[in-house]
Amino acid sequence: MLIDDARTPLIISGPTAKSDTQQFDELKPKIEKLVGAQRKLVTQILADSKDSLRGKGGGGGLLLLRAFKGLPRIMLL
C-alpha cells in the first residue's frame, strides 16, 4: 500500500482476493438479523415510552433515553 502525504491523500492498492470478502459475506446475514431485532426492540421501547408519557405509568423519559441509545448505528451496504 502506498499512501501519498499530499493535501488530498491518495491510496493506491491492488485487487483483493475473494477470501478477503468471504468473512463479510458470511457475517452480513447475521448482522442484518441482529439489526432487525434491535430495531424491533427500540420500536417497542418507544411505544412503551409513549404510553408512559400519556400517564399510564412512569419513566417515560428514561425509556426515551433507552430508545435513543439503543438505535442501530451501523450502515449495511
PDB file of N, CA and C in Angstrom:
ATOM      1  N   MET A   1       0.844  -1.155   0.000  1.00  0.00           N
ATOM      2  CA  MET A   1       0.000   0.000   0.000  1.00  0.00           C
ATOM      3  C   MET A   1       0.898   1.229   0.000  1.00  0.00           C
ATOM      4  N   LEU A   2       0.563   2.192  -0.833  1.00  0.00           N
ATOM      5  CA  LEU A   2       1.307   3.444  -0.928  1.00  0.00           C
ATOM      6  C   LEU A   2       0.368   4.559  -0.505  1.00  0.00           C
ATOM      7  N   ILE A   3       0.795   5.371   0.450  1.00  0.00           N
ATOM      8  CA  ILE A   3      -0.017   6.488   0.905  1.00  0.00           C
ATOM      9  C   ILE A   3       0.727   7.775   0.587  1.00  0.00           C
ATOM     10  N   ASP A   4       0.051   8.680  -0.116  1.00  0.00           N
ATOM     11  CA  ASP A   4       0.612   9.965  -0.505  1.00  0.00           C
ATOM     12  C   ASP A   4       0.279  10.984   0.588  1.00  0.00           C
ATOM     13  N   ASP A   5       1.257  11.783   1.024  1.00  0.00           N
ATOM     14  CA  ASP A   5       1.042  12.751   2.085  1.00  0.00           C
ATOM     15  C   ASP A   5       0.613  14.121   1.568  1.00  0.00           C
ATOM     16  N   ALA A   6       0.067  14.197   0.389  1.00  0.00           N
ATOM     17  CA  ALA A   6      -0.389  15.467  -0.172  1.00  0.00           C
ATOM     18  C   ALA A   6      -1.624  15.954   0.584  1.00  0.00           C
ATOM     19  N   ARG A   7      -2.132  17.103   0.207  1.00  0.00           N
ATOM     20  CA  ARG A   7      -3.318  17.645   0.870  1.00  0.00           C
ATOM     21  C   ARG A   7      -4.516  16.708   0.714  1.00  0.00           C
ATOM     22  N   THR A   8      -4.630  16.118  -0.424  1.00  0.00           N
ATOM     23  CA  THR A   8      -5.672  15.107  -0.648  1.00  0.00           C
ATOM     24  C   THR A   8      -4.967  13.767  -0.704  1.00  0.00           C
ATOM     25  N   PRO A   9      -5.121  12.946   0.333  1.00  0.00           N
ATOM     26  CA  PRO A   9      -4.416  11.665   0.358  1.00  0.00           C
ATOM     27  C   PRO A   9      -4.823  10.762  -0.805  1.00  0.00           C
ATOM     28  N   LEU A  10      -3.859  10.073  -1.339  1.00  0.00           N
ATOM     29  CA  LEU A  10      -4.077   9.135  -2.430  1.00  0.00           C
ATOM     30  C   LEU A  10      -3.643   7.768  -1.944  1.00  0.00           C
ATOM     31  N   ILE A  11      -4.565   6.815  -1.979  1.00  0.00           N
ATOM     32  CA  ILE A  11      -4.251   5.451  -1.549  1.00  0.00           C
ATOM     33  C   ILE A  11      -4.319   4.558  -2.781  1.00  0.00           C
ATOM     34  N   ILE A  12      -3.225   3.893  -3.044  1.00  0.00           N
ATOM     35  CA  ILE A  12      -3.143   3.008  -4.199  1.00  0.00           C
ATOM     36  C   ILE A  12      -3.007   1.584  -3.687  1.00  0.00           C
ATOM     37  N   SER A  13      -3.876   0.719  -4.161  1.00  0.00           N
ATOM     38  CA  SER A  13      -3.786  -0.681  -3.780  1.00  0.00           C
ATOM     39  C   SER A  13      -4.229  -1.539  -4.948  1.00  0.00           C
ATOM     40  N   GLY A  14      -3.879  -2.780  -4.897  1.00  0.00           N
ATOM     41  CA  GLY A  14      -4.230  -3.704  -5.966  1.00  0.00           C
ATOM     42  C   GLY A  14      -5.534  -4.408  -5.671  1.00  0.00           C
ATOM     43  N   PRO A  15      -5.965  -5.286  -6.564  1.00  0.00           N
ATOM     44  CA  PRO A  15      -7.202  -6.036  -6.346  1.00  0.00           C
ATOM     45  C   PRO A  15      -7.067  -6.987  -5.154  1.00  0.00           C
ATOM     46  N   THR A  16      -8.197  -7.259  -4.532  1.00  0.00           N
ATOM     47  CA  THR A  16      -8.191  -8.151  -3.375  1.00  0.00           C
ATOM     48  C   THR A  16      -8.684  -9.535  -3.791  1.00  0.00           C
ATOM     49  N   ALA A  17      -8.261 -10.504  -3.061  1.00  0.00           N
ATOM     50  CA  ALA A  17      -8.677 -11.880  -3.337  1.00  0.00           C
ATOM     51  C   ALA A  17     -10.091 -12.108  -2.808  1.00  0.00           C
ATOM     52  N   LYS A  18     -10.770 -13.102  -3.335  1.00  0.00           N
ATOM     53  CA  LYS A  18     -12.130 -13.429  -2.899  1.00  0.00           C
ATOM     54  C   LYS A  18     -12.157 -13.781  -1.410  1.00  0.00           C
ATOM     55  N   SER A  19     -11.109 -14.366  -0.902  1.00  0.00           N
ATOM     56  CA  SER A  19     -11.076 -14.758   0.505  1.00  0.00           C
ATOM     57  C   SER A  19     -11.176 -13.552   1.442  1.00  0.00           C
ATOM     58  N   ASP A  20     -10.823 -12.354   0.957  1.00  0.00           N
ATOM     59  CA  ASP A  20     -10.926 -11.158   1.785  1.00  0.00           C
ATOM     60  C   ASP A  20     -12.382 -10.784   2.057  1.00  0.00           C
ATOM     61  N   THR A  21     -13.286 -11.111   1.139  1.00  0.00           N
ATOM     62  CA  THR A  21     -14.697 -10.776   1.323  1.00  0.00           C
ATOM     63  C   THR A  21     -15.501 -11.947   1.863  1.00  0.00           C
ATOM     64  N   GLN A  22     -14.885 -13.085   2.017  1.00  0.00           N
ATOM     65  CA  GLN A  22     -15.599 -14.277   2.471  1.00  0.00           C
ATOM     66  C   GLN A  22     -16.209 -14.062   3.860  1.00  0.00           C
ATOM     67  N   GLN A  23     -15.457 -13.487   4.761  1.00  0.00           N
ATOM     68  CA  GLN A  23     -15.965 -13.261   6.113  1.00  0.00           C
ATOM     69  C   GLN A  23     -17.126 -12.265   6.090  1.00  0.00           C
ATOM     70  N   PHE A  24     -17.024 -11.231   5.255  1.00  0.00           N
ATOM     71  CA  PHE A  24     -18.107 -10.256   5.129  1.00  0.00           C
ATOM     72  C   PHE A  24     -19.375 -10.937   4.636  1.00  0.00           C
ATOM     73  N   ASP A  25     -19.247 -11.747   3.579  1.00  0.00           N
ATOM     74  CA  ASP A  25     -20.401 -12.445   3.023  1.00  0.00           C
ATOM     75  C   ASP A  25     -21.020 -13.407   4.033  1.00  0.00           C
ATOM     76  N   GLU A  26     -20.198 -13.988   4.875  1.00  0.00           N
ATOM     77  CA  GLU A  26     -20.668 -14.934   5.881  1.00  0.00           C
ATOM     78  C   GLU A  26     -21.395 -14.222   7.025  1.00  0.00           C
ATOM     79  N   LEU A  27     -20.917 -13.059   7.422  1.00  0.00           N
ATOM     80  CA  LEU A  27     -21.472 -12.365   8.584  1.00  0.00           C
ATOM     81  C   LEU A  27     -22.616 -11.409   8.256  1.00  0.00           C
ATOM     82  N   LYS A  28     -22.732 -10.970   7.010  1.00  0.00           N
ATOM     83  CA  LYS A  28     -23.737  -9.974   6.651  1.00  0.00           C
ATOM     84  C   LYS A  28     -25.155 -10.402   7.025  1.00  0.00           C
ATOM     85  N   PRO A  29     -25.623 -11.626   6.698  1.00  0.00           N
ATOM     86  CA  PRO A  29     -26.986 -12.003   7.085  1.00  0.00           C
ATOM     87  C   PRO A  29     -27.199 -12.020   8.606  1.00  0.00           C
ATOM     88  N   LYS A  30     -26.188 -12.429   9.340  1.00  0.00           N
ATOM     89  CA  LYS A  30     -26.301 -12.457  10.801  1.00  0.00           C
ATOM     90  C   LYS A  30     -26.412 -11.043  11.369  1.00  0.00           C
ATOM     91  N   ILE A  31     -25.645 -10.125  10.814  1.00  0.00           N
ATOM     92  CA  ILE A  31     -25.680  -8.731  11.260  1.00  0.00           C
ATOM     93  C   ILE A  31     -27.028  -8.104  10.909  1.00  0.00           C
ATOM     94  N   GLU A  32     -27.533  -8.397   9.708  1.00  0.00           N
ATOM     95  CA  GLU A  32     -28.839  -7.865   9.311  1.00  0.00           C
ATOM     96  C   GLU A  32     -29.933  -8.358  10.253  1.00  0.00           C
ATOM     97  N   LYS A  33     -29.862  -9.616  10.659  1.00  0.00           N
ATOM     98  CA  LYS A  33     -30.838 -10.176  11.591  1.00  0.00           C
ATOM     99  C   LYS A  33     -30.730  -9.492  12.954  1.00  0.00           C
ATOM    100  N   LEU A  34     -29.511  -9.269  13.418  1.00  0.00           N
ATOM    101  CA  LEU A  34     -29.280  -8.604  14.696  1.00  0.00           C
ATOM    102  C   LEU A  34     -29.805  -7.170  14.677  1.00  0.00           C
ATOM    103  N   VAL A  35     -29.540  -6.440  13.603  1.00  0.00           N
ATOM    104  CA  VAL A  35     -30.010  -5.055  13.490  1.00  0.00           C
ATOM    105  C   VAL A  35     -31.533  -5.024  13.440  1.00  0.00           C
ATOM    106  N   GLY A  36     -32.143  -5.988  12.746  1.00  0.00           N
ATOM    107  CA  GLY A  36     -33.603  -6.056  12.708  1.00  0.00           C
ATOM    108  C   GLY A  36     -34.202  -6.281  14.092  1.00  0.00           C
ATOM    109  N   ALA A  37     -33.604  -7.172  14.853  1.00  0.00           N
ATOM    110  CA  ALA A  37     -34.074  -7.425  16.215  1.00  0.00           C
ATOM    111  C   ALA A  37     -33.893  -6.191  17.094  1.00  0.00           C
ATOM    112  N   GLN A  38     -32.795  -5.488  16.893  1.00  0.00           N
ATOM    113  CA  GLN A  38     -32.526  -4.277  17.668  1.00  0.00           C
ATOM    114  C   GLN A  38     -33.556  -3.197  17.338  1.00  0.00           C
ATOM    115  N   ARG A  39     -33.877  -3.036  16.058  1.00  0.00           N
ATOM    116  CA  ARG A  39     -34.886  -2.040  15.670  1.00  0.00           C
ATOM    117  C   ARG A  39     -36.261  -2.396  16.253  1.00  0.00           C
ATOM    118  N   LYS A  40     -36.603  -3.687  16.258  1.00  0.00           N
ATOM    119  CA  LYS A  40     -37.877  -4.128  16.807  1.00  0.00           C
ATOM    120  C   LYS A  40     -37.956  -3.800  18.302  1.00  0.00           C
ATOM    121  N   LEU A  41     -36.865  -4.044  19.018  1.00  0.00           N
ATOM    122  CA  LEU A  41     -36.819  -3.738  20.443  1.00  0.00           C
ATOM    123  C   LEU A  41     -36.964  -2.239  20.699  1.00  0.00           C
ATOM    124  N   VAL A  42     -36.260  -1.422  19.914  1.00  0.00           N
ATOM    125  CA  VAL A  42     -36.325   0.033  20.097  1.00  0.00           C
ATOM    126  C   VAL A  42     -37.730   0.542  19.784  1.00  0.00           C
ATOM    127  N   THR A  43     -38.380  -0.046  18.776  1.00  0.00           N
ATOM    128  CA  THR A  43     -39.749   0.342  18.447  1.00  0.00           C
ATOM    129  C   THR A  43     -40.688   0.043  19.617  1.00  0.00           C
ATOM    130  N   GLN A  44     -40.497  -1.098  20.257  1.00  0.00           N
ATOM    131  CA  GLN A  44     -41.319  -1.446  21.417  1.00  0.00           C
ATOM    132  C   GLN A  44     -41.043  -0.495  22.585  1.00  0.00           C
ATOM    133  N   ILE A  45     -39.779  -0.157  22.786  1.00  0.00           N
ATOM    134  CA  ILE A  45     -39.435   0.780  23.866  1.00  0.00           C
ATOM    135  C   ILE A  45     -40.071   2.146  23.598  1.00  0.00           C
ATOM    136  N   LEU A  46     -40.081   2.587  22.340  1.00  0.00           N
ATOM    137  CA  LEU A  46     -40.713   3.871  22.001  1.00  0.00           C
ATOM    138  C   LEU A  46     -42.215   3.830  22.259  1.00  0.00           C
ATOM    139  N   ALA A  47     -42.861   2.723  21.923  1.00  0.00           N
ATOM    140  CA  ALA A  47     -44.298   2.593  22.191  1.00  0.00           C
ATOM    141  C   ALA A  47     -44.564   2.632  23.692  1.00  0.00           C
ATOM    142  N   ASP A  48     -43.720   1.954  24.461  1.00  0.00           N
ATOM    143  CA  ASP A  48     -43.872   1.965  25.925  1.00  0.00           C
ATOM    144  C   ASP A  48     -43.668   3.370  26.488  1.00  0.00           C
ATOM    145  N   SER A  49     -42.708   4.106  25.935  1.00  0.00           N
ATOM    146  CA  SER A  49     -42.454   5.463  26.432  1.00  0.00           C
ATOM    147  C   SER A  49     -43.616   6.387  26.094  1.00  0.00           C
ATOM    148  N   LYS A  50     -44.225   6.172  24.933  1.00  0.00           N
ATOM    149  CA  LYS A  50     -45.382   6.983  24.541  1.00  0.00           C
ATOM    150  C   LYS A  50     -46.531   6.763  25.526  1.00  0.00           C
ATOM    151  N   ASP A  51     -46.801   5.503  25.869  1.00  0.00           N
ATOM    152  CA  ASP A  51     -47.839   5.198  26.860  1.00  0.00           C
ATOM    153  C   ASP A  51     -47.488   5.790  28.220  1.00  0.00           C
ATOM    154  N   SER A  52     -46.224   5.712  28.572  1.00  0.00           N
ATOM    155  CA  SER A  52     -45.779   6.208  29.869  1.00  0.00           C
ATOM    156  C   SER A  52     -45.926   7.728  29.954  1.00  0.00           C
ATOM    157  N   LEU A  53     -45.622   8.404  28.861  1.00  0.00           N
ATOM    158  CA  LEU A  53     -45.726   9.866  28.853  1.00  0.00           C
ATOM    159  C   LEU A  53     -47.179  10.324  28.838  1.00  0.00           C
ATOM    160  N   ARG A  54     -48.086   9.467  28.395  1.00  0.00           N
ATOM    161  CA  ARG A  54     -49.516   9.806  28.399  1.00  0.00           C
ATOM    162  C   ARG A  54     -50.149   9.589  29.773  1.00  0.00           C
ATOM    163  N   GLY A  55     -49.369   9.117  30.720  1.00  0.00           N
ATOM    164  CA  GLY A  55     -49.872   8.978  32.077  1.00  0.00           C
ATOM    165  C   GLY A  55     -50.200   7.559  32.485  1.00  0.00           C
ATOM    166  N   LYS A  56     -49.817   6.579  31.687  1.00  0.00           N
ATOM    167  CA  LYS A  56     -50.106   5.189  32.023  1.00  0.00           C
ATOM    168  C   LYS A  56     -48.899   4.541  32.698  1.00  0.00           C
ATOM    169  N   GLY A  57     -48.296   5.214  33.608  1.00  0.00           N
ATOM    170  CA  GLY A  57     -47.112   4.703  34.289  1.00  0.00           C
ATOM    171  C   GLY A  57     -46.043   5.776  34.326  1.00  0.00           C
ATOM    172  N   GLY A  58     -44.913   5.480  34.902  1.00  0.00           N
ATOM    173  CA  GLY A  58     -43.846   6.469  34.992  1.00  0.00           C
ATOM    174  C   GLY A  58     -42.631   6.044  34.202  1.00  0.00           C
ATOM    175  N   GLY A  59     -41.671   6.921  34.128  1.00  0.00           N
ATOM    176  CA  GLY A  59     -40.399   6.577  33.496  1.00  0.00           C
ATOM    177  C   GLY A  59     -40.347   6.774  32.000  1.00  0.00           C
ATOM    178  N   GLY A  60     -41.238   7.600  31.448  1.00  0.00           N
ATOM    179  CA  GLY A  60     -41.249   7.820  30.001  1.00  0.00           C
ATOM    180  C   GLY A  60     -39.961   8.428  29.487  1.00  0.00           C
ATOM    181  N   GLY A  61     -39.384   9.343  30.251  1.00  0.00           N
ATOM    182  CA  GLY A  61     -38.136   9.979  29.834  1.00  0.00           C
ATOM    183  C   GLY A  61     -36.984   8.990  29.783  1.00  0.00           C
ATOM    184  N   LEU A  62     -36.929   8.114  30.769  1.00  0.00           N
ATOM    185  CA  LEU A  62     -35.886   7.089  30.803  1.00  0.00           C
ATOM    186  C   LEU A  62     -36.023   6.136  29.617  1.00  0.00           C
ATOM    187  N   LEU A  63     -37.266   5.786  29.283  1.00  0.00           N
ATOM    188  CA  LEU A  63     -37.493   4.913  28.128  1.00  0.00           C
ATOM    189  C   LEU A  63     -37.083   5.591  26.827  1.00  0.00           C
ATOM    190  N   LEU A  64     -37.339   6.889  26.718  1.00  0.00           N
ATOM    191  CA  LEU A  64     -36.893   7.627  25.523  1.00  0.00           C
ATOM    192  C   LEU A  64     -35.372   7.613  25.413  1.00  0.00           C
ATOM    193  N   LEU A  65     -34.687   7.771  26.534  1.00  0.00           N
ATOM    194  CA  LEU A  65     -33.230   7.720  26.533  1.00  0.00           C
ATOM    195  C   LEU A  65     -32.746   6.336  26.116  1.00  0.00           C
ATOM    196  N   ARG A  66     -33.385   5.294  26.612  1.00  0.00           N
ATOM    197  CA  ARG A  66     -33.016   3.932  26.227  1.00  0.00           C
ATOM    198  C   ARG A  66     -33.204   3.716  24.732  1.00  0.00           C
ATOM    199  N   ALA A  67     -34.306   4.230  24.198  1.00  0.00           N
ATOM    200  CA  ALA A  67     -34.552   4.090  22.762  1.00  0.00           C
ATOM    201  C   ALA A  67     -33.491   4.826  21.960  1.00  0.00           C
ATOM    202  N   PHE A  68     -33.136   6.017  22.398  1.00  0.00           N
ATOM    203  CA  PHE A  68     -32.112   6.790  21.688  1.00  0.00           C
ATOM    204  C   PHE A  68     -30.771   6.069  21.706  1.00  0.00           C
ATOM    205  N   LYS A  69     -30.399   5.567  22.862  1.00  0.00           N
ATOM    206  CA  LYS A  69     -29.116   4.859  22.987  1.00  0.00           C
ATOM    207  C   LYS A  69     -29.139   3.507  22.276  1.00  0.00           C
ATOM    208  N   GLY A  70     -30.324   2.918  22.121  1.00  0.00           N
ATOM    209  CA  GLY A  70     -30.437   1.598  21.540  1.00  0.00           C
ATOM    210  C   GLY A  70     -30.538   1.562  20.028  1.00  0.00           C
ATOM    211  N   LEU A  71     -30.659   2.726  19.390  1.00  0.00           N
ATOM    212  CA  LEU A  71     -30.790   2.750  17.932  1.00  0.00           C
ATOM    213  C   LEU A  71     -29.554   2.154  17.263  1.00  0.00           C
ATOM    214  N   PRO A  72     -29.738   1.347  16.225  1.00  0.00           N
ATOM    215  CA  PRO A  72     -28.583   0.815  15.498  1.00  0.00           C
ATOM    216  C   PRO A  72     -27.771   1.944  14.883  1.00  0.00           C
ATOM    217  N   ARG A  73     -26.468   1.839  14.954  1.00  0.00           N
ATOM    218  CA  ARG A  73     -25.592   2.881  14.423  1.00  0.00           C
ATOM    219  C   ARG A  73     -24.672   2.347  13.335  1.00  0.00           C
ATOM    220  N   ILE A  74     -25.093   1.300  12.665  1.00  0.00           N
ATOM    221  CA  ILE A  74     -24.275   0.766  11.580  1.00  0.00           C
ATOM    222  C   ILE A  74     -25.034   0.915  10.274  1.00  0.00           C
ATOM    223  N   MET A  75     -24.289   0.958   9.224  1.00  0.00           N
ATOM    224  CA  MET A  75     -24.913   1.052   7.909  1.00  0.00           C
ATOM    225  C   MET A  75     -24.503  -0.173   7.101  1.00  0.00           C
ATOM    226  N   LEU A  76     -25.483  -0.914   6.660  1.00  0.00           N
ATOM    227  CA  LEU A  76     -25.203  -2.108   5.854  1.00  0.00           C
ATOM    228  C   LEU A  76     -25.205  -1.735   4.388  1.00  0.00           C
ATOM    229  N   LEU A  77     -24.293  -2.275   3.668  1.00  0.00           N
ATOM    230  CA  LEU A  77     -24.213  -1.998   2.237  1.00  0.00           C
ATOM    231  C   LEU A  77     -25.063  -2.952   1.447  1.00  0.00           C
TER     232      LEU A  77
END
